[in-house]
Amino acid sequence: MSKGERLRLYMHRYNLNPSSTFIIGDMPVETDIARNLGLTSISITGGFVSAARLEAARPDYTINNHHELLPILQGHGFFRNAES
């Protein structure tokens, strides 16, 4: 079973809303999975795949480190009281 299919089944089992679900990954496949499931995709550079290849997959966001994640999540209404 593919990673995308496992995630789809998990989301269905726990009744997770795609509009409030994010996928963060360092491979273009995570962006594809997000697009397929209606999730927000966040690519993080520094992994095995080049930043250019990640950008070519057209994620919703590309970050260079985990410190850039909180403002994105806050922009979607999560962790509004957390300090970045």
PDB file of N, CA and C in Angstrom:
ATOM      1  N   MET A   1       0.853  -1.166   0.000  1.00  0.00           N
ATOM      2  CA  MET A   1       0.000   0.000   0.000  1.00  0.00           C
ATOM      3  C   MET A   1       0.909   1.242   0.000  1.00  0.00           C
ATOM      4  N   SER A   2       0.559   2.209  -0.810  1.00  0.00           N
ATOM      5  CA  SER A   2       1.374   3.424  -0.928  1.00  0.00           C
ATOM      6  C   SER A   2       1.201   4.332   0.288  1.00  0.00           C
ATOM      7  N   LYS A   3       2.138   5.230   0.454  1.00  0.00           N
ATOM      8  CA  LYS A   3       2.078   6.212   1.541  1.00  0.00           C
ATOM      9  C   LYS A   3       0.807   7.052   1.429  1.00  0.00           C
ATOM     10  N   GLY A   4       0.462   7.462   0.213  1.00  0.00           N
ATOM     11  CA  GLY A   4      -0.740   8.257  -0.003  1.00  0.00           C
ATOM     12  C   GLY A   4      -2.009   7.508   0.361  1.00  0.00           C
ATOM     13  N   GLU A   5      -2.070   6.240   0.015  1.00  0.00           N
ATOM     14  CA  GLU A   5      -3.247   5.433   0.332  1.00  0.00           C
ATOM     15  C   GLU A   5      -3.356   5.212   1.838  1.00  0.00           C
ATOM     16  N   ARG A   6      -2.239   4.960   2.494  1.00  0.00           N
ATOM     17  CA  ARG A   6      -2.258   4.795   3.956  1.00  0.00           C
ATOM     18  C   ARG A   6      -2.753   6.074   4.626  1.00  0.00           C
ATOM     19  N   LEU A   7      -2.291   7.221   4.139  1.00  0.00           N
ATOM     20  CA  LEU A   7      -2.726   8.490   4.716  1.00  0.00           C
ATOM     21  C   LEU A   7      -4.212   8.721   4.462  1.00  0.00           C
ATOM     22  N   ARG A   8      -4.682   8.415   3.259  1.00  0.00           N
ATOM     23  CA  ARG A   8      -6.102   8.563   2.946  1.00  0.00           C
ATOM     24  C   ARG A   8      -6.957   7.733   3.890  1.00  0.00           C
ATOM     25  N   LEU A   9      -6.571   6.494   4.106  1.00  0.00           N
ATOM     26  CA  LEU A   9      -7.323   5.610   5.001  1.00  0.00           C
ATOM     27  C   LEU A   9      -7.280   6.111   6.446  1.00  0.00           C
ATOM     28  N   TYR A  10      -6.136   6.586   6.874  1.00  0.00           N
ATOM     29  CA  TYR A  10      -5.993   7.134   8.223  1.00  0.00           C
ATOM     30  C   TYR A  10      -6.900   8.344   8.407  1.00  0.00           C
ATOM     31  N   MET A  11      -6.891   9.241   7.431  1.00  0.00           N
ATOM     32  CA  MET A  11      -7.728  10.439   7.505  1.00  0.00           C
ATOM     33  C   MET A  11      -9.202  10.065   7.545  1.00  0.00           C
ATOM     34  N   HIS A  12      -9.570   9.081   6.755  1.00  0.00           N
ATOM     35  CA  HIS A  12     -10.966   8.629   6.742  1.00  0.00           C
ATOM     36  C   HIS A  12     -11.341   8.011   8.093  1.00  0.00           C
ATOM     37  N   ARG A  13     -10.471   7.170   8.610  1.00  0.00           N
ATOM     38  CA  ARG A  13     -10.751   6.488   9.877  1.00  0.00           C
ATOM     39  C   ARG A  13     -10.951   7.474  11.024  1.00  0.00           C
ATOM     40  N   TYR A  14     -10.146   8.534  11.053  1.00  0.00           N
ATOM     41  CA  TYR A  14     -10.214   9.490  12.149  1.00  0.00           C
ATOM     42  C   TYR A  14     -10.957  10.782  11.778  1.00  0.00           C
ATOM     43  N   ASN A  15     -11.645  10.727  10.631  1.00  0.00           N
ATOM     44  CA  ASN A  15     -12.489  11.837  10.190  1.00  0.00           C
ATOM     45  C   ASN A  15     -11.734  13.172  10.177  1.00  0.00           C
ATOM     46  N   LEU A  16     -10.542  13.169   9.588  1.00  0.00           N
ATOM     47  CA  LEU A  16      -9.728  14.379   9.503  1.00  0.00           C
ATOM     48  C   LEU A  16     -10.116  15.191   8.278  1.00  0.00           C
ATOM     49  N   ASN A  17     -10.299  16.473   8.478  1.00  0.00           N
ATOM     50  CA  ASN A  17     -10.695  17.378   7.409  1.00  0.00           C
ATOM     51  C   ASN A  17      -9.463  17.761   6.577  1.00  0.00           C
ATOM     52  N   PRO A  18      -9.462  17.508   5.273  1.00  0.00           N
ATOM     53  CA  PRO A  18      -8.316  17.863   4.435  1.00  0.00           C
ATOM     54  C   PRO A  18      -7.937  19.337   4.502  1.00  0.00           C
ATOM     55  N   SER A  19      -8.911  20.217   4.673  1.00  0.00           N
ATOM     56  CA  SER A  19      -8.599  21.651   4.696  1.00  0.00           C
ATOM     57  C   SER A  19      -7.847  22.065   5.953  1.00  0.00           C
ATOM     58  N   SER A  20      -7.821  21.222   6.973  1.00  0.00           N
ATOM     59  CA  SER A  20      -7.063  21.538   8.185  1.00  0.00           C
ATOM     60  C   SER A  20      -5.921  20.550   8.401  1.00  0.00           C
ATOM     61  N   THR A  21      -5.482  19.935   7.317  1.00  0.00           N
ATOM     62  CA  THR A  21      -4.413  18.942   7.397  1.00  0.00           C
ATOM     63  C   THR A  21      -3.278  19.352   6.481  1.00  0.00           C
ATOM     64  N   PHE A  22      -2.065  19.205   6.972  1.00  0.00           N
ATOM     65  CA  PHE A  22      -0.860  19.561   6.232  1.00  0.00           C
ATOM     66  C   PHE A  22      -0.010  18.325   6.042  1.00  0.00           C
ATOM     67  N   ILE A  23       0.764  18.306   4.982  1.00  0.00           N
ATOM     68  CA  ILE A  23       1.786  17.286   4.829  1.00  0.00           C
ATOM     69  C   ILE A  23       3.096  18.028   4.610  1.00  0.00           C
ATOM     70  N   ILE A  24       4.087  17.635   5.383  1.00  0.00           N
ATOM     71  CA  ILE A  24       5.409  18.252   5.319  1.00  0.00           C
ATOM     72  C   ILE A  24       6.385  17.167   4.904  1.00  0.00           C
ATOM     73  N   GLY A  25       7.152  17.448   3.855  1.00  0.00           N
ATOM     74  CA  GLY A  25       8.087  16.436   3.400  1.00  0.00           C
ATOM     75  C   GLY A  25       9.235  17.018   2.613  1.00  0.00           C
ATOM     76  N   ASP A  26      10.226  16.184   2.379  1.00  0.00           N
ATOM     77  CA  ASP A  26      11.408  16.619   1.641  1.00  0.00           C
ATOM     78  C   ASP A  26      11.530  15.933   0.282  1.00  0.00           C
ATOM     79  N   MET A  27      10.394  15.394  -0.208  1.00  0.00           N
ATOM     80  CA  MET A  27      10.367  14.737  -1.511  1.00  0.00           C
ATOM     81  C   MET A  27       9.145  15.226  -2.300  1.00  0.00           C
ATOM     82  N   PRO A  28       9.248  15.279  -3.616  1.00  0.00           N
ATOM     83  CA  PRO A  28       8.095  15.704  -4.423  1.00  0.00           C
ATOM     84  C   PRO A  28       6.865  14.821  -4.237  1.00  0.00           C
ATOM     85  N   VAL A  29       7.049  13.575  -3.869  1.00  0.00           N
ATOM     86  CA  VAL A  29       5.909  12.673  -3.707  1.00  0.00           C
ATOM     87  C   VAL A  29       4.950  13.168  -2.632  1.00  0.00           C
ATOM     88  N   GLU A  30       5.470  13.822  -1.587  1.00  0.00           N
ATOM     89  CA  GLU A  30       4.581  14.354  -0.554  1.00  0.00           C
ATOM     90  C   GLU A  30       3.691  15.465  -1.110  1.00  0.00           C
ATOM     91  N   THR A  31       4.233  16.275  -1.995  1.00  0.00           N
ATOM     92  CA  THR A  31       3.425  17.316  -2.635  1.00  0.00           C
ATOM     93  C   THR A  31       2.336  16.677  -3.484  1.00  0.00           C
ATOM     94  N   ASP A  32       2.675  15.623  -4.202  1.00  0.00           N
ATOM     95  CA  ASP A  32       1.683  14.910  -5.018  1.00  0.00           C
ATOM     96  C   ASP A  32       0.581  14.316  -4.146  1.00  0.00           C
ATOM     97  N   ILE A  33       0.973  13.723  -3.032  1.00  0.00           N
ATOM     98  CA  ILE A  33      -0.011  13.138  -2.113  1.00  0.00           C
ATOM     99  C   ILE A  33      -0.939  14.231  -1.589  1.00  0.00           C
ATOM    100  N   ALA A  34      -0.365  15.354  -1.180  1.00  0.00           N
ATOM    101  CA  ALA A  34      -1.173  16.464  -0.674  1.00  0.00           C
ATOM    102  C   ALA A  34      -2.172  16.930  -1.721  1.00  0.00           C
ATOM    103  N   ARG A  35      -1.711  17.106  -2.929  1.00  0.00           N
ATOM    104  CA  ARG A  35      -2.592  17.568  -4.006  1.00  0.00           C
ATOM    105  C   ARG A  35      -3.728  16.564  -4.221  1.00  0.00           C
ATOM    106  N   ASN A  36      -3.398  15.298  -4.198  1.00  0.00           N
ATOM    107  CA  ASN A  36      -4.367  14.220  -4.405  1.00  0.00           C
ATOM    108  C   ASN A  36      -5.433  14.181  -3.312  1.00  0.00           C
ATOM    109  N   LEU A  37      -5.025  14.484  -2.068  1.00  0.00           N
ATOM    110  CA  LEU A  37      -5.943  14.382  -0.935  1.00  0.00           C
ATOM    111  C   LEU A  37      -6.551  15.720  -0.520  1.00  0.00           C
ATOM    112  N   GLY A  38      -6.159  16.803  -1.194  1.00  0.00           N
ATOM    113  CA  GLY A  38      -6.692  18.119  -0.866  1.00  0.00           C
ATOM    114  C   GLY A  38      -6.064  18.749   0.363  1.00  0.00           C
ATOM    115  N   LEU A  39      -4.820  18.372   0.658  1.00  0.00           N
ATOM    116  CA  LEU A  39      -4.104  18.883   1.817  1.00  0.00           C
ATOM    117  C   LEU A  39      -3.216  20.052   1.425  1.00  0.00           C
ATOM    118  N   THR A  40      -2.760  20.791   2.400  1.00  0.00           N
ATOM    119  CA  THR A  40      -1.759  21.822   2.177  1.00  0.00           C
ATOM    120  C   THR A  40      -0.389  21.152   2.188  1.00  0.00           C
ATOM    121  N   SER A  41       0.418  21.451   1.180  1.00  0.00           N
ATOM    122  CA  SER A  41       1.738  20.828   1.079  1.00  0.00           C
ATOM    123  C   SER A  41       2.832  21.815   1.463  1.00  0.00           C
ATOM    124  N   ILE A  42       3.745  21.331   2.281  1.00  0.00           N
ATOM    125  CA  ILE A  42       4.894  22.118   2.699  1.00  0.00           C
ATOM    126  C   ILE A  42       6.140  21.286   2.428  1.00  0.00           C
ATOM    127  N   SER A  43       6.984  21.773   1.547  1.00  0.00           N
ATOM    128  CA  SER A  43       8.245  21.092   1.253  1.00  0.00           C
ATOM    129  C   SER A  43       9.345  21.731   2.073  1.00  0.00           C
ATOM    130  N   ILE A  44      10.233  20.900   2.590  1.00  0.00           N
ATOM    131  CA  ILE A  44      11.360  21.406   3.360  1.00  0.00           C
ATOM    132  C   ILE A  44      12.658  21.003   2.657  1.00  0.00           C
ATOM    133  N   THR A  45      13.505  21.992   2.432  1.00  0.00           N
ATOM    134  CA  THR A  45      14.761  21.745   1.725  1.00  0.00           C
ATOM    135  C   THR A  45      15.784  21.123   2.676  1.00  0.00           C
ATOM    136  N   GLY A  46      16.879  20.673   2.100  1.00  0.00           N
ATOM    137  CA  GLY A  46      17.965  20.117   2.899  1.00  0.00           C
ATOM    138  C   GLY A  46      17.975  18.606   2.937  1.00  0.00           C
ATOM    139  N   GLY A  47      17.019  17.981   2.289  1.00  0.00           N
ATOM    140  CA  GLY A  47      16.974  16.527   2.245  1.00  0.00           C
ATOM    141  C   GLY A  47      17.726  16.000   1.031  1.00  0.00           C
ATOM    142  N   PHE A  48      17.360  14.836   0.584  1.00  0.00           N
ATOM    143  CA  PHE A  48      18.029  14.174  -0.528  1.00  0.00           C
ATOM    144  C   PHE A  48      17.772  14.864  -1.865  1.00  0.00           C
ATOM    145  N   VAL A  49      16.585  15.469  -2.013  1.00  0.00           N
ATOM    146  CA  VAL A  49      16.168  16.082  -3.277  1.00  0.00           C
ATOM    147  C   VAL A  49      16.545  17.564  -3.283  1.00  0.00           C
ATOM    148  N   SER A  50      16.956  18.060  -4.419  1.00  0.00           N
ATOM    149  CA  SER A  50      17.347  19.472  -4.532  1.00  0.00           C
ATOM    150  C   SER A  50      16.138  20.394  -4.337  1.00  0.00           C
ATOM    151  N   ALA A  51      16.428  21.613  -3.923  1.00  0.00           N
ATOM    152  CA  ALA A  51      15.379  22.621  -3.752  1.00  0.00           C
ATOM    153  C   ALA A  51      14.672  22.881  -5.080  1.00  0.00           C
ATOM    154  N   ALA A  52      15.412  22.874  -6.178  1.00  0.00           N
ATOM    155  CA  ALA A  52      14.814  23.101  -7.495  1.00  0.00           C
ATOM    156  C   ALA A  52      13.805  22.006  -7.834  1.00  0.00           C
ATOM    157  N   ARG A  53      14.131  20.778  -7.494  1.00  0.00           N
ATOM    158  CA  ARG A  53      13.212  19.667  -7.766  1.00  0.00           C
ATOM    159  C   ARG A  53      11.970  19.754  -6.875  1.00  0.00           C
ATOM    160  N   LEU A  54      12.161  20.178  -5.645  1.00  0.00           N
ATOM    161  CA  LEU A  54      11.002  20.375  -4.765  1.00  0.00           C
ATOM    162  C   LEU A  54      10.094  21.459  -5.321  1.00  0.00           C
ATOM    163  N   GLU A  55      10.668  22.571  -5.749  1.00  0.00           N
ATOM    164  CA  GLU A  55       9.891  23.680  -6.315  1.00  0.00           C
ATOM    165  C   GLU A  55       9.153  23.256  -7.584  1.00  0.00           C
ATOM    166  N   ALA A  56       9.780  22.399  -8.380  1.00  0.00           N
ATOM    167  CA  ALA A  56       9.152  21.935  -9.615  1.00  0.00           C
ATOM    168  C   ALA A  56       7.855  21.173  -9.340  1.00  0.00           C
ATOM    169  N   ALA A  57       7.738  20.585  -8.159  1.00  0.00           N
ATOM    170  CA  ALA A  57       6.514  19.858  -7.781  1.00  0.00           C
ATOM    171  C   ALA A  57       5.389  20.825  -7.402  1.00  0.00           C
ATOM    172  N   ARG A  58       5.736  22.105  -7.219  1.00  0.00           N
ATOM    173  CA  ARG A  58       4.788  23.177  -6.914  1.00  0.00           C
ATOM    174  C   ARG A  58       4.022  22.974  -5.606  1.00  0.00           C
ATOM    175  N   PRO A  59       4.761  22.851  -4.500  1.00  0.00           N
ATOM    176  CA  PRO A  59       4.084  22.761  -3.202  1.00  0.00           C
ATOM    177  C   PRO A  59       3.436  24.101  -2.854  1.00  0.00           C
ATOM    178  N   ASP A  60       2.557  24.074  -1.900  1.00  0.00           N
ATOM    179  CA  ASP A  60       1.942  25.327  -1.451  1.00  0.00           C
ATOM    180  C   ASP A  60       2.976  26.226  -0.788  1.00  0.00           C
ATOM    181  N   TYR A  61       3.916  25.626  -0.085  1.00  0.00           N
ATOM    182  CA  TYR A  61       4.976  26.364   0.595  1.00  0.00           C
ATOM    183  C   TYR A  61       6.276  25.579   0.489  1.00  0.00           C
ATOM    184  N   THR A  62       7.380  26.311   0.475  1.00  0.00           N
ATOM    185  CA  THR A  62       8.698  25.694   0.596  1.00  0.00           C
ATOM    186  C   THR A  62       9.419  26.408   1.726  1.00  0.00           C
ATOM    187  N   ILE A  63       9.943  25.627   2.654  1.00  0.00           N
ATOM    188  CA  ILE A  63      10.682  26.194   3.775  1.00  0.00           C
ATOM    189  C   ILE A  63      12.086  25.600   3.785  1.00  0.00           C
ATOM    190  N   ASN A  64      12.999  26.315   4.426  1.00  0.00           N
ATOM    191  CA  ASN A  64      14.379  25.861   4.500  1.00  0.00           C
ATOM    192  C   ASN A  64      14.728  25.253   5.852  1.00  0.00           C
ATOM    193  N   ASN A  65      13.903  25.519   6.856  1.00  0.00           N
ATOM    194  CA  ASN A  65      14.110  24.917   8.173  1.00  0.00           C
ATOM    195  C   ASN A  65      12.792  24.952   8.944  1.00  0.00           C
ATOM    196  N   HIS A  66      12.745  24.215  10.034  1.00  0.00           N
ATOM    197  CA  HIS A  66      11.491  24.077  10.780  1.00  0.00           C
ATOM    198  C   HIS A  66      11.036  25.378  11.442  1.00  0.00           C
ATOM    199  N   HIS A  67      11.933  26.339  11.617  1.00  0.00           N
ATOM    200  CA  HIS A  67      11.547  27.620  12.213  1.00  0.00           C
ATOM    201  C   HIS A  67      10.583  28.401  11.318  1.00  0.00           C
ATOM    202  N   GLU A  68      10.573  28.116  10.044  1.00  0.00           N
ATOM    203  CA  GLU A  68       9.685  28.803   9.100  1.00  0.00           C
ATOM    204  C   GLU A  68       8.269  28.219   9.095  1.00  0.00           C
ATOM    205  N   LEU A  69       8.076  27.129   9.808  1.00  0.00           N
ATOM    206  CA  LEU A  69       6.794  26.436   9.783  1.00  0.00           C
ATOM    207  C   LEU A  69       5.704  27.134  10.599  1.00  0.00           C
ATOM    208  N   LEU A  70       6.024  27.616  11.782  1.00  0.00           N
ATOM    209  CA  LEU A  70       5.012  28.198  12.659  1.00  0.00           C
ATOM    210  C   LEU A  70       4.233  29.343  12.013  1.00  0.00           C
ATOM    211  N   PRO A  71       4.883  30.305  11.353  1.00  0.00           N
ATOM    212  CA  PRO A  71       4.098  31.376  10.717  1.00  0.00           C
ATOM    213  C   PRO A  71       3.117  30.860   9.654  1.00  0.00           C
ATOM    214  N   ILE A  72       3.474  29.812   8.965  1.00  0.00           N
ATOM    215  CA  ILE A  72       2.567  29.230   7.964  1.00  0.00           C
ATOM    216  C   ILE A  72       1.344  28.646   8.665  1.00  0.00           C
ATOM    217  N   LEU A  73       1.595  27.870   9.702  1.00  0.00           N
ATOM    218  CA  LEU A  73       0.482  27.270  10.443  1.00  0.00           C
ATOM    219  C   LEU A  73      -0.396  28.345  11.082  1.00  0.00           C
ATOM    220  N   GLN A  74       0.226  29.389  11.629  1.00  0.00           N
ATOM    221  CA  GLN A  74      -0.546  30.481  12.217  1.00  0.00           C
ATOM    222  C   GLN A  74      -1.386  31.187  11.156  1.00  0.00           C
ATOM    223  N   GLY A  75      -0.857  31.307   9.960  1.00  0.00           N
ATOM    224  CA  GLY A  75      -1.605  31.912   8.868  1.00  0.00           C
ATOM    225  C   GLY A  75      -2.843  31.123   8.485  1.00  0.00           C
ATOM    226  N   HIS A  76      -2.859  29.845   8.857  1.00  0.00           N
ATOM    227  CA  HIS A  76      -4.011  28.983   8.610  1.00  0.00           C
ATOM    228  C   HIS A  76      -4.883  28.827   9.850  1.00  0.00           C
ATOM    229  N   GLY A  77      -4.575  29.633  10.887  1.00  0.00           N
ATOM    230  CA  GLY A  77      -5.412  29.637  12.074  1.00  0.00           C
ATOM    231  C   GLY A  77      -4.990  28.698  13.191  1.00  0.00           C
ATOM    232  N   PHE A  78      -3.828  28.075  13.081  1.00  0.00           N
ATOM    233  CA  PHE A  78      -3.343  27.166  14.113  1.00  0.00           C
ATOM    234  C   PHE A  78      -2.266  27.843  14.953  1.00  0.00           C
ATOM    235  N   PHE A  79      -2.214  27.503  16.219  1.00  0.00           N
ATOM    236  CA  PHE A  79      -1.142  27.967  17.119  1.00  0.00           C
ATOM    237  C   PHE A  79      -1.017  29.489  17.141  1.00  0.00           C
ATOM    238  N   ARG A  80      -2.121  30.180  17.124  1.00  0.00           N
ATOM    239  CA  ARG A  80      -2.088  31.645  17.067  1.00  0.00           C
ATOM    240  C   ARG A  80      -1.417  32.267  18.282  1.00  0.00           C
ATOM    241  N   ASN A  81      -1.470  31.615  19.432  1.00  0.00           N
ATOM    242  CA  ASN A  81      -0.880  32.169  20.641  1.00  0.00           C
ATOM    243  C   ASN A  81       0.576  31.761  20.834  1.00  0.00           C
ATOM    244  N   ALA A  82       1.087  30.923  19.949  1.00  0.00           N
ATOM    245  CA  ALA A  82       2.477  30.481  20.068  1.00  0.00           C
ATOM    246  C   ALA A  82       3.404  31.577  19.548  1.00  0.00           C
ATOM    247  N   GLU A  83       4.565  31.657  20.133  1.00  0.00           N
ATOM    248  CA  GLU A  83       5.562  32.645  19.676  1.00  0.00           C
ATOM    249  C   GLU A  83       6.513  31.973  18.707  1.00  0.00           C
ATOM    250  N   SER A  84       6.823  32.698  17.639  1.00  0.00           N
ATOM    251  CA  SER A  84       7.739  32.144  16.635  1.00  0.00           C
ATOM    252  C   SER A  84       9.167  32.454  16.948  1.00  0.00           C
TER     253      SER A  84
END
